[in-house]
Amino acid sequence: MRIIEKILSILKYVMPAVLLLVFPLHSYAQSANLPGLSVNFGQGADLVDSIQVILLFTVITLAPAVLILCTSFTRIIVVLSFMRQAIGTQNLPPNQLLIGFAMFLTVFVMQPTGTAIYNDGITPYMKKQITTVQALQVIEVNLRSFMSKQVRKTDIALFYDVTGKKAPQTINDVPIHYLIPAFVISELKTAFQIGFLLYIPFLILDMVVASVLMAMGMMMLPPVVISLPFKLLLFVLVDGWQLVTGSILRSFN
């Protein structure tokens, strides 16, 4: 009972303050004309500008997904993860370092596309020369141009086979919701192909070390304990990070 009495006493002082805050804001919202929105909720509101703002915030929310799925980030981070697994170091380099390195490599690869988006879309939009829809169309066109160079026709055909629709004559006629998943599949396939090639020399080294240990009768000693220093030495001697980075960058068309 004491707890209920305390809650009621708190509500007695809080509710008037809440009402004072809610009702003035509500009455203000009825005739608010926010900069650039021209919305009047009290006189048959035109919600077009408000919907544009909502769409803009939606695009900003989806920006991380666009960064991952519509750029070179997917291929780069998968290959770097394969490289770490092939060497045998579970947490070295750490995830934060791999992701940061992958992001900067993505910026390097996407620099021409990003420059075109900035010059043709963002700058005119900031100068109010084009609308939000036109700026988004510029972004879509440039990202589509990059993805079209990397995607495989068979991956695009998969989605048309599933839906039973006829494939278009040119890749420019492929809808964006078909192109993005096809691009992701193509990037994953390419990344796994590169990862398989990276695994081969380290796998051979593991097999050699395991055979030597078995020949010496040291079957209780894990081969990874012996092979890890040799794999690190081999990777350093051939300047592995430079070779892997160069292979990743050259794999993009």
C-alpha atoms as a PDB file:
ATOM      1  CA  MET A   1       0.000   0.000   0.000  1.00  0.00           C
ATOM      2  CA  ARG A   2       2.823   2.372   0.787  1.00  0.00           C
ATOM      3  CA  ILE A   3       4.328   1.740  -2.646  1.00  0.00           C
ATOM      4  CA  ILE A   4       0.994   2.523  -4.329  1.00  0.00           C
ATOM      5  CA  GLU A   5       0.626   5.695  -2.265  1.00  0.00           C
ATOM      6  CA  LYS A   6       4.128   6.809  -3.270  1.00  0.00           C
ATOM      7  CA  ILE A   7       3.387   6.168  -6.954  1.00  0.00           C
ATOM      8  CA  LEU A   8       0.137   8.153  -6.729  1.00  0.00           C
ATOM      9  CA  SER A   9       1.883  11.024  -5.001  1.00  0.00           C
ATOM     10  CA  ILE A  10       4.563  11.104  -7.716  1.00  0.00           C
ATOM     11  CA  LEU A  11       1.950  11.023 -10.473  1.00  0.00           C
ATOM     12  CA  LYS A  12       0.107  13.899  -8.801  1.00  0.00           C
ATOM     13  CA  TYR A  13       3.134  16.161  -9.405  1.00  0.00           C
ATOM     14  CA  VAL A  14       4.291  14.658 -12.688  1.00  0.00           C
ATOM     15  CA  MET A  15       0.991  14.607 -14.623  1.00  0.00           C
ATOM     16  CA  PRO A  16       0.442  18.405 -14.649  1.00  0.00           C
ATOM     17  CA  ALA A  17       3.948  18.899 -16.037  1.00  0.00           C
ATOM     18  CA  VAL A  18       3.340  16.257 -18.708  1.00  0.00           C
ATOM     19  CA  LEU A  19       0.053  17.869 -19.704  1.00  0.00           C
ATOM     20  CA  LEU A  20       1.695  21.264 -19.921  1.00  0.00           C
ATOM     21  CA  LEU A  21       4.330  19.823 -22.223  1.00  0.00           C
ATOM     22  CA  VAL A  22       2.007  17.769 -24.409  1.00  0.00           C
ATOM     23  CA  PHE A  23      -0.810  20.173 -25.095  1.00  0.00           C
ATOM     24  CA  PRO A  24       1.298  23.219 -26.074  1.00  0.00           C
ATOM     25  CA  LEU A  25       3.395  21.033 -28.380  1.00  0.00           C
ATOM     26  CA  HIS A  26       0.254  19.548 -29.868  1.00  0.00           C
ATOM     27  CA  SER A  27      -1.293  22.968 -30.446  1.00  0.00           C
ATOM     28  CA  TYR A  28       1.982  24.188 -31.920  1.00  0.00           C
ATOM     29  CA  ALA A  29       2.155  21.181 -34.262  1.00  0.00           C
ATOM     30  CA  GLN A  30      -1.280  22.077 -35.628  1.00  0.00           C
ATOM     31  CA  SER A  31       0.108  25.157 -37.332  1.00  0.00           C
ATOM     32  CA  ALA A  32       3.827  24.449 -37.482  1.00  0.00           C
ATOM     33  CA  ASN A  33       5.673  25.472 -40.614  1.00  0.00           C
ATOM     34  CA  LEU A  34       9.043  23.800 -40.327  1.00  0.00           C
ATOM     35  CA  PRO A  35      11.818  25.073 -42.621  1.00  0.00           C
ATOM     36  CA  GLY A  36      11.607  23.362 -45.978  1.00  0.00           C
ATOM     37  CA  LEU A  37       8.536  21.304 -45.075  1.00  0.00           C
ATOM     38  CA  SER A  38       5.598  23.726 -45.352  1.00  0.00           C
ATOM     39  CA  VAL A  39       3.355  21.397 -43.341  1.00  0.00           C
ATOM     40  CA  ASN A  40       0.143  22.652 -41.761  1.00  0.00           C
ATOM     41  CA  PHE A  41      -1.575  19.850 -39.894  1.00  0.00           C
ATOM     42  CA  GLY A  42      -4.569  21.913 -39.050  1.00  0.00           C
ATOM     43  CA  GLN A  43      -5.717  22.825 -42.555  1.00  0.00           C
ATOM     44  CA  GLY A  44      -5.673  19.709 -44.749  1.00  0.00           C
ATOM     45  CA  ALA A  45      -1.975  18.903 -44.543  1.00  0.00           C
ATOM     46  CA  ASP A  46       0.093  18.174 -47.633  1.00  0.00           C
ATOM     47  CA  LEU A  47       2.245  15.249 -46.510  1.00  0.00           C
ATOM     48  CA  VAL A  48       4.456  15.031 -49.596  1.00  0.00           C
ATOM     49  CA  ASP A  49       7.332  16.903 -47.973  1.00  0.00           C
ATOM     50  CA  SER A  50       6.985  14.896 -44.778  1.00  0.00           C
ATOM     51  CA  ILE A  51       7.091  11.649 -46.725  1.00  0.00           C
ATOM     52  CA  GLN A  52      10.245  12.849 -48.483  1.00  0.00           C
ATOM     53  CA  VAL A  53      11.865  13.490 -45.109  1.00  0.00           C
ATOM     54  CA  ILE A  54      10.853  10.023 -43.931  1.00  0.00           C
ATOM     55  CA  LEU A  55      12.313   8.500 -47.094  1.00  0.00           C
ATOM     56  CA  LEU A  56      15.530  10.435 -46.544  1.00  0.00           C
ATOM     57  CA  PHE A  57      15.875   9.100 -43.006  1.00  0.00           C
ATOM     58  CA  THR A  58      15.107   5.612 -44.316  1.00  0.00           C
ATOM     59  CA  VAL A  59      17.957   5.906 -46.813  1.00  0.00           C
ATOM     60  CA  ILE A  60      20.300   7.078 -44.052  1.00  0.00           C
ATOM     61  CA  THR A  61      19.258   4.098 -41.910  1.00  0.00           C
ATOM     62  CA  LEU A  62      19.958   1.701 -44.778  1.00  0.00           C
ATOM     63  CA  ALA A  63      23.364   3.258 -45.497  1.00  0.00           C
ATOM     64  CA  PRO A  64      25.334   0.504 -43.647  1.00  0.00           C
ATOM     65  CA  ALA A  65      23.507  -2.170 -45.641  1.00  0.00           C
ATOM     66  CA  VAL A  66      24.258  -0.281 -48.864  1.00  0.00           C
ATOM     67  CA  LEU A  67      27.932  -0.040 -47.848  1.00  0.00           C
ATOM     68  CA  ILE A  68      28.119  -3.789 -47.259  1.00  0.00           C
ATOM     69  CA  LEU A  69      25.966  -5.122 -50.087  1.00  0.00           C
ATOM     70  CA  CYS A  70      26.447  -2.655 -52.959  1.00  0.00           C
ATOM     71  CA  THR A  71      30.201  -2.026 -52.752  1.00  0.00           C
ATOM     72  CA  SER A  72      33.429  -4.021 -52.740  1.00  0.00           C
ATOM     73  CA  PHE A  73      33.315  -4.420 -48.955  1.00  0.00           C
ATOM     74  CA  THR A  74      31.793  -7.921 -49.047  1.00  0.00           C
ATOM     75  CA  ARG A  75      34.548  -9.465 -51.162  1.00  0.00           C
ATOM     76  CA  ILE A  76      37.333  -7.732 -49.248  1.00  0.00           C
ATOM     77  CA  ILE A  77      36.222  -8.670 -45.734  1.00  0.00           C
ATOM     78  CA  VAL A  78      35.512 -12.294 -46.697  1.00  0.00           C
ATOM     79  CA  VAL A  79      38.954 -12.712 -48.294  1.00  0.00           C
ATOM     80  CA  LEU A  80      40.687 -11.138 -45.296  1.00  0.00           C
ATOM     81  CA  SER A  81      38.774 -13.458 -42.967  1.00  0.00           C
ATOM     82  CA  PHE A  82      39.838 -16.457 -45.078  1.00  0.00           C
ATOM     83  CA  MET A  83      43.425 -15.247 -44.880  1.00  0.00           C
ATOM     84  CA  ARG A  84      43.335 -15.147 -41.104  1.00  0.00           C
ATOM     85  CA  GLN A  85      41.779 -18.606 -40.900  1.00  0.00           C
ATOM     86  CA  ALA A  86      44.322 -20.038 -43.341  1.00  0.00           C
ATOM     87  CA  ILE A  87      47.242 -18.781 -41.297  1.00  0.00           C
ATOM     88  CA  GLY A  88      45.715 -20.308 -38.177  1.00  0.00           C
ATOM     89  CA  THR A  89      45.605 -17.232 -35.953  1.00  0.00           C
ATOM     90  CA  GLN A  90      42.054 -17.129 -34.636  1.00  0.00           C
ATOM     91  CA  ASN A  91      42.004 -13.556 -33.328  1.00  0.00           C
ATOM     92  CA  LEU A  92      45.006 -11.968 -35.006  1.00  0.00           C
ATOM     93  CA  PRO A  93      44.576  -9.580 -36.696  1.00  0.00           C
ATOM     94  CA  PRO A  94      41.552  -8.633 -34.568  1.00  0.00           C
ATOM     95  CA  ASN A  95      38.129  -8.079 -36.096  1.00  0.00           C
ATOM     96  CA  GLN A  96      38.296  -4.314 -35.606  1.00  0.00           C
ATOM     97  CA  LEU A  97      41.523  -4.128 -37.609  1.00  0.00           C
ATOM     98  CA  LEU A  98      40.203  -6.307 -40.432  1.00  0.00           C
ATOM     99  CA  ILE A  99      36.975  -4.317 -40.704  1.00  0.00           C
ATOM    100  CA  GLY A 100      38.829  -0.994 -40.656  1.00  0.00           C
ATOM    101  CA  PHE A 101      41.296  -2.181 -43.274  1.00  0.00           C
ATOM    102  CA  ALA A 102      38.445  -3.535 -45.418  1.00  0.00           C
ATOM    103  CA  MET A 103      36.631  -0.200 -45.183  1.00  0.00           C
ATOM    104  CA  PHE A 104      39.652   1.776 -46.367  1.00  0.00           C
ATOM    105  CA  LEU A 105      40.255  -0.676 -49.213  1.00  0.00           C
ATOM    106  CA  THR A 106      36.584  -0.240 -50.099  1.00  0.00           C
ATOM    107  CA  VAL A 107      37.049   3.527 -50.204  1.00  0.00           C
ATOM    108  CA  PHE A 108      40.054   3.021 -52.496  1.00  0.00           C
ATOM    109  CA  VAL A 109      38.161   0.724 -54.874  1.00  0.00           C
ATOM    110  CA  MET A 110      34.964   2.797 -54.838  1.00  0.00           C
ATOM    111  CA  GLN A 111      36.740   6.154 -55.219  1.00  0.00           C
ATOM    112  CA  PRO A 112      35.740   6.715 -58.892  1.00  0.00           C
ATOM    113  CA  THR A 113      32.135   5.785 -58.115  1.00  0.00           C
ATOM    114  CA  GLY A 114      32.098   7.946 -55.000  1.00  0.00           C
ATOM    115  CA  THR A 115      33.542  10.902 -56.908  1.00  0.00           C
ATOM    116  CA  ALA A 116      30.856  10.611 -59.568  1.00  0.00           C
ATOM    117  CA  ILE A 117      28.124  10.407 -56.919  1.00  0.00           C
ATOM    118  CA  TYR A 118      29.485  13.465 -55.127  1.00  0.00           C
ATOM    119  CA  ASN A 119      29.904  15.586 -58.252  1.00  0.00           C
ATOM    120  CA  ASP A 120      26.670  14.595 -59.996  1.00  0.00           C
ATOM    121  CA  GLY A 121      24.386  13.971 -57.040  1.00  0.00           C
ATOM    122  CA  ILE A 122      25.404  15.363 -53.666  1.00  0.00           C
ATOM    123  CA  THR A 123      26.872  18.700 -54.777  1.00  0.00           C
ATOM    124  CA  PRO A 124      23.879  19.708 -56.968  1.00  0.00           C
ATOM    125  CA  TYR A 125      21.535  18.547 -54.207  1.00  0.00           C
ATOM    126  CA  MET A 126      23.295  20.670 -51.586  1.00  0.00           C
ATOM    127  CA  LYS A 127      23.057  23.635 -53.959  1.00  0.00           C
ATOM    128  CA  LYS A 128      19.323  22.875 -54.394  1.00  0.00           C
ATOM    129  CA  GLN A 129      19.759  22.357 -58.117  1.00  0.00           C
ATOM    130  CA  ILE A 130      18.115  18.924 -58.070  1.00  0.00           C
ATOM    131  CA  THR A 131      15.510  17.253 -55.905  1.00  0.00           C
ATOM    132  CA  THR A 132      15.978  14.438 -53.423  1.00  0.00           C
ATOM    133  CA  VAL A 133      14.540  11.907 -55.855  1.00  0.00           C
ATOM    134  CA  GLN A 134      16.950  12.996 -58.586  1.00  0.00           C
ATOM    135  CA  ALA A 135      19.903  12.752 -56.177  1.00  0.00           C
ATOM    136  CA  LEU A 136      18.887   9.214 -55.216  1.00  0.00           C
ATOM    137  CA  GLN A 137      18.601   8.331 -58.885  1.00  0.00           C
ATOM    138  CA  VAL A 138      22.166   9.549 -59.466  1.00  0.00           C
ATOM    139  CA  ILE A 139      23.380   7.365 -56.586  1.00  0.00           C
ATOM    140  CA  GLU A 140      21.507   4.369 -57.967  1.00  0.00           C
ATOM    141  CA  VAL A 141      22.889   4.850 -61.490  1.00  0.00           C
ATOM    142  CA  ASN A 142      26.501   5.008 -60.298  1.00  0.00           C
ATOM    143  CA  LEU A 143      26.183   2.047 -57.935  1.00  0.00           C
ATOM    144  CA  ARG A 144      24.427   0.093 -60.683  1.00  0.00           C
ATOM    145  CA  SER A 145      27.331   0.857 -63.027  1.00  0.00           C
ATOM    146  CA  PHE A 146      29.820  -0.592 -60.534  1.00  0.00           C
ATOM    147  CA  MET A 147      27.739  -3.662 -59.727  1.00  0.00           C
ATOM    148  CA  SER A 148      27.071  -4.391 -63.386  1.00  0.00           C
ATOM    149  CA  LYS A 149      30.819  -4.800 -63.981  1.00  0.00           C
ATOM    150  CA  GLN A 150      31.177  -7.390 -61.202  1.00  0.00           C
ATOM    151  CA  VAL A 151      27.944  -9.405 -61.367  1.00  0.00           C
ATOM    152  CA  ARG A 152      27.643 -12.647 -63.316  1.00  0.00           C
ATOM    153  CA  LYS A 153      24.865 -13.179 -65.815  1.00  0.00           C
ATOM    154  CA  THR A 154      24.095 -16.609 -64.359  1.00  0.00           C
ATOM    155  CA  ASP A 155      23.405 -15.076 -60.944  1.00  0.00           C
ATOM    156  CA  ILE A 156      20.975 -12.591 -62.478  1.00  0.00           C
ATOM    157  CA  ALA A 157      19.316 -15.393 -64.457  1.00  0.00           C
ATOM    158  CA  LEU A 158      18.722 -17.282 -61.196  1.00  0.00           C
ATOM    159  CA  PHE A 159      16.210 -14.713 -59.952  1.00  0.00           C
ATOM    160  CA  TYR A 160      14.406 -14.613 -63.287  1.00  0.00           C
ATOM    161  CA  ASP A 161      14.178 -18.412 -63.245  1.00  0.00           C
ATOM    162  CA  VAL A 162      12.714 -18.339 -59.739  1.00  0.00           C
ATOM    163  CA  THR A 163      10.124 -15.688 -60.588  1.00  0.00           C
ATOM    164  CA  GLY A 164       9.382 -17.104 -64.044  1.00  0.00           C
ATOM    165  CA  LYS A 165       9.894 -13.762 -65.739  1.00  0.00           C
ATOM    166  CA  LYS A 166      11.704 -13.162 -68.992  1.00  0.00           C
ATOM    167  CA  ALA A 167      15.216 -11.798 -68.654  1.00  0.00           C
ATOM    168  CA  PRO A 168      15.837  -8.389 -70.266  1.00  0.00           C
ATOM    169  CA  GLN A 169      18.176  -7.876 -73.196  1.00  0.00           C
ATOM    170  CA  THR A 170      20.620  -5.591 -71.369  1.00  0.00           C
ATOM    171  CA  ILE A 171      21.789  -5.449 -67.795  1.00  0.00           C
ATOM    172  CA  ASN A 172      20.645  -1.825 -67.537  1.00  0.00           C
ATOM    173  CA  ASP A 173      17.048  -3.074 -67.667  1.00  0.00           C
ATOM    174  CA  VAL A 174      17.515  -5.365 -64.652  1.00  0.00           C
ATOM    175  CA  PRO A 175      15.599  -4.005 -61.621  1.00  0.00           C
ATOM    176  CA  ILE A 176      17.724  -2.951 -58.696  1.00  0.00           C
ATOM    177  CA  HIS A 177      16.082  -5.518 -56.375  1.00  0.00           C
ATOM    178  CA  TYR A 178      17.272  -8.228 -58.785  1.00  0.00           C
ATOM    179  CA  LEU A 179      20.724  -6.753 -59.296  1.00  0.00           C
ATOM    180  CA  ILE A 180      21.727  -6.344 -55.641  1.00  0.00           C
ATOM    181  CA  PRO A 181      21.225  -9.989 -54.495  1.00  0.00           C
ATOM    182  CA  ALA A 182      22.811 -11.241 -57.729  1.00  0.00           C
ATOM    183  CA  PHE A 183      25.784  -8.959 -57.063  1.00  0.00           C
ATOM    184  CA  VAL A 184      26.126 -10.287 -53.502  1.00  0.00           C
ATOM    185  CA  ILE A 185      26.117 -13.894 -54.744  1.00  0.00           C
ATOM    186  CA  SER A 186      28.781 -13.055 -57.327  1.00  0.00           C
ATOM    187  CA  GLU A 187      30.933 -11.325 -54.713  1.00  0.00           C
ATOM    188  CA  LEU A 188      30.678 -14.279 -52.326  1.00  0.00           C
ATOM    189  CA  LYS A 189      31.608 -16.732 -55.079  1.00  0.00           C
ATOM    190  CA  THR A 190      34.651 -14.681 -56.087  1.00  0.00           C
ATOM    191  CA  ALA A 191      35.711 -14.263 -52.456  1.00  0.00           C
ATOM    192  CA  PHE A 192      35.454 -18.003 -51.799  1.00  0.00           C
ATOM    193  CA  GLN A 193      37.491 -18.751 -54.929  1.00  0.00           C
ATOM    194  CA  ILE A 194      40.247 -16.418 -53.736  1.00  0.00           C
ATOM    195  CA  GLY A 195      40.015 -17.908 -50.230  1.00  0.00           C
ATOM    196  CA  PHE A 196      40.450 -21.445 -51.613  1.00  0.00           C
ATOM    197  CA  LEU A 197      43.627 -20.411 -53.440  1.00  0.00           C
ATOM    198  CA  LEU A 198      44.930 -18.813 -50.235  1.00  0.00           C
ATOM    199  CA  TYR A 199      44.339 -21.997 -48.262  1.00  0.00           C
ATOM    200  CA  ILE A 200      46.372 -24.286 -50.576  1.00  0.00           C
ATOM    201  CA  PRO A 201      49.987 -23.360 -49.535  1.00  0.00           C
ATOM    202  CA  PHE A 202      49.132 -23.362 -45.832  1.00  0.00           C
ATOM    203  CA  LEU A 203      47.288 -26.663 -46.161  1.00  0.00           C
ATOM    204  CA  ILE A 204      50.317 -28.238 -47.832  1.00  0.00           C
ATOM    205  CA  LEU A 205      52.544 -26.962 -45.033  1.00  0.00           C
ATOM    206  CA  ASP A 206      50.190 -28.447 -42.414  1.00  0.00           C
ATOM    207  CA  MET A 207      50.259 -31.807 -44.194  1.00  0.00           C
ATOM    208  CA  VAL A 208      54.080 -31.807 -44.382  1.00  0.00           C
ATOM    209  CA  VAL A 209      54.419 -30.981 -40.691  1.00  0.00           C
ATOM    210  CA  ALA A 210      51.861 -33.647 -39.746  1.00  0.00           C
ATOM    211  CA  SER A 211      53.684 -36.278 -41.847  1.00  0.00           C
ATOM    212  CA  VAL A 212      57.039 -35.404 -40.259  1.00  0.00           C
ATOM    213  CA  LEU A 213      55.607 -35.631 -36.749  1.00  0.00           C
ATOM    214  CA  MET A 214      54.023 -39.011 -37.468  1.00  0.00           C
ATOM    215  CA  ALA A 215      57.296 -40.288 -38.926  1.00  0.00           C
ATOM    216  CA  MET A 216      59.078 -39.203 -35.751  1.00  0.00           C
ATOM    217  CA  GLY A 217      56.481 -40.926 -33.596  1.00  0.00           C
ATOM    218  CA  MET A 218      55.262 -37.655 -32.068  1.00  0.00           C
ATOM    219  CA  MET A 219      51.598 -38.367 -32.661  1.00  0.00           C
ATOM    220  CA  MET A 220      50.456 -36.734 -29.417  1.00  0.00           C
ATOM    221  CA  LEU A 221      51.854 -33.348 -30.407  1.00  0.00           C
ATOM    222  CA  PRO A 222      49.295 -31.223 -32.328  1.00  0.00           C
ATOM    223  CA  PRO A 223      50.682 -30.330 -35.766  1.00  0.00           C
ATOM    224  CA  VAL A 224      49.266 -26.801 -35.461  1.00  0.00           C
ATOM    225  CA  VAL A 225      51.715 -26.009 -32.673  1.00  0.00           C
ATOM    226  CA  ILE A 226      54.657 -26.705 -34.999  1.00  0.00           C
ATOM    227  CA  SER A 227      53.189 -25.485 -38.283  1.00  0.00           C
ATOM    228  CA  LEU A 228      51.998 -22.088 -37.039  1.00  0.00           C
ATOM    229  CA  PRO A 229      55.477 -20.536 -36.675  1.00  0.00           C
ATOM    230  CA  PHE A 230      56.449 -21.888 -40.099  1.00  0.00           C
ATOM    231  CA  LYS A 231      53.288 -20.478 -41.672  1.00  0.00           C
ATOM    232  CA  LEU A 232      53.963 -17.087 -40.122  1.00  0.00           C
ATOM    233  CA  LEU A 233      57.563 -17.218 -41.352  1.00  0.00           C
ATOM    234  CA  LEU A 234      56.441 -18.162 -44.862  1.00  0.00           C
ATOM    235  CA  PHE A 235      53.816 -15.416 -44.887  1.00  0.00           C
ATOM    236  CA  VAL A 236      56.332 -12.796 -43.805  1.00  0.00           C
ATOM    237  CA  LEU A 237      59.037 -13.907 -46.247  1.00  0.00           C
ATOM    238  CA  VAL A 238      56.732 -13.674 -49.270  1.00  0.00           C
ATOM    239  CA  ASP A 239      55.261 -10.360 -48.021  1.00  0.00           C
ATOM    240  CA  GLY A 240      51.834 -11.957 -47.791  1.00  0.00           C
ATOM    241  CA  TRP A 241      49.744  -8.931 -46.915  1.00  0.00           C
ATOM    242  CA  GLN A 242      50.992  -7.041 -49.949  1.00  0.00           C
ATOM    243  CA  LEU A 243      50.278 -10.014 -52.223  1.00  0.00           C
ATOM    244  CA  VAL A 244      46.800 -10.557 -50.774  1.00  0.00           C
ATOM    245  CA  THR A 245      45.915  -6.870 -50.949  1.00  0.00           C
ATOM    246  CA  GLY A 246      47.161  -6.626 -54.523  1.00  0.00           C
ATOM    247  CA  SER A 247      45.195  -9.721 -55.521  1.00  0.00           C
ATOM    248  CA  ILE A 248      42.015  -8.302 -54.007  1.00  0.00           C
ATOM    249  CA  LEU A 249      42.376  -4.923 -55.711  1.00  0.00           C
ATOM    250  CA  ARG A 250      43.201  -6.469 -59.101  1.00  0.00           C
ATOM    251  CA  SER A 251      40.194  -8.773 -58.902  1.00  0.00           C
ATOM    252  CA  PHE A 252      37.790  -5.863 -59.459  1.00  0.00           C
ATOM    253  CA  ASN A 253      36.899  -4.916 -63.007  1.00  0.00           C
END
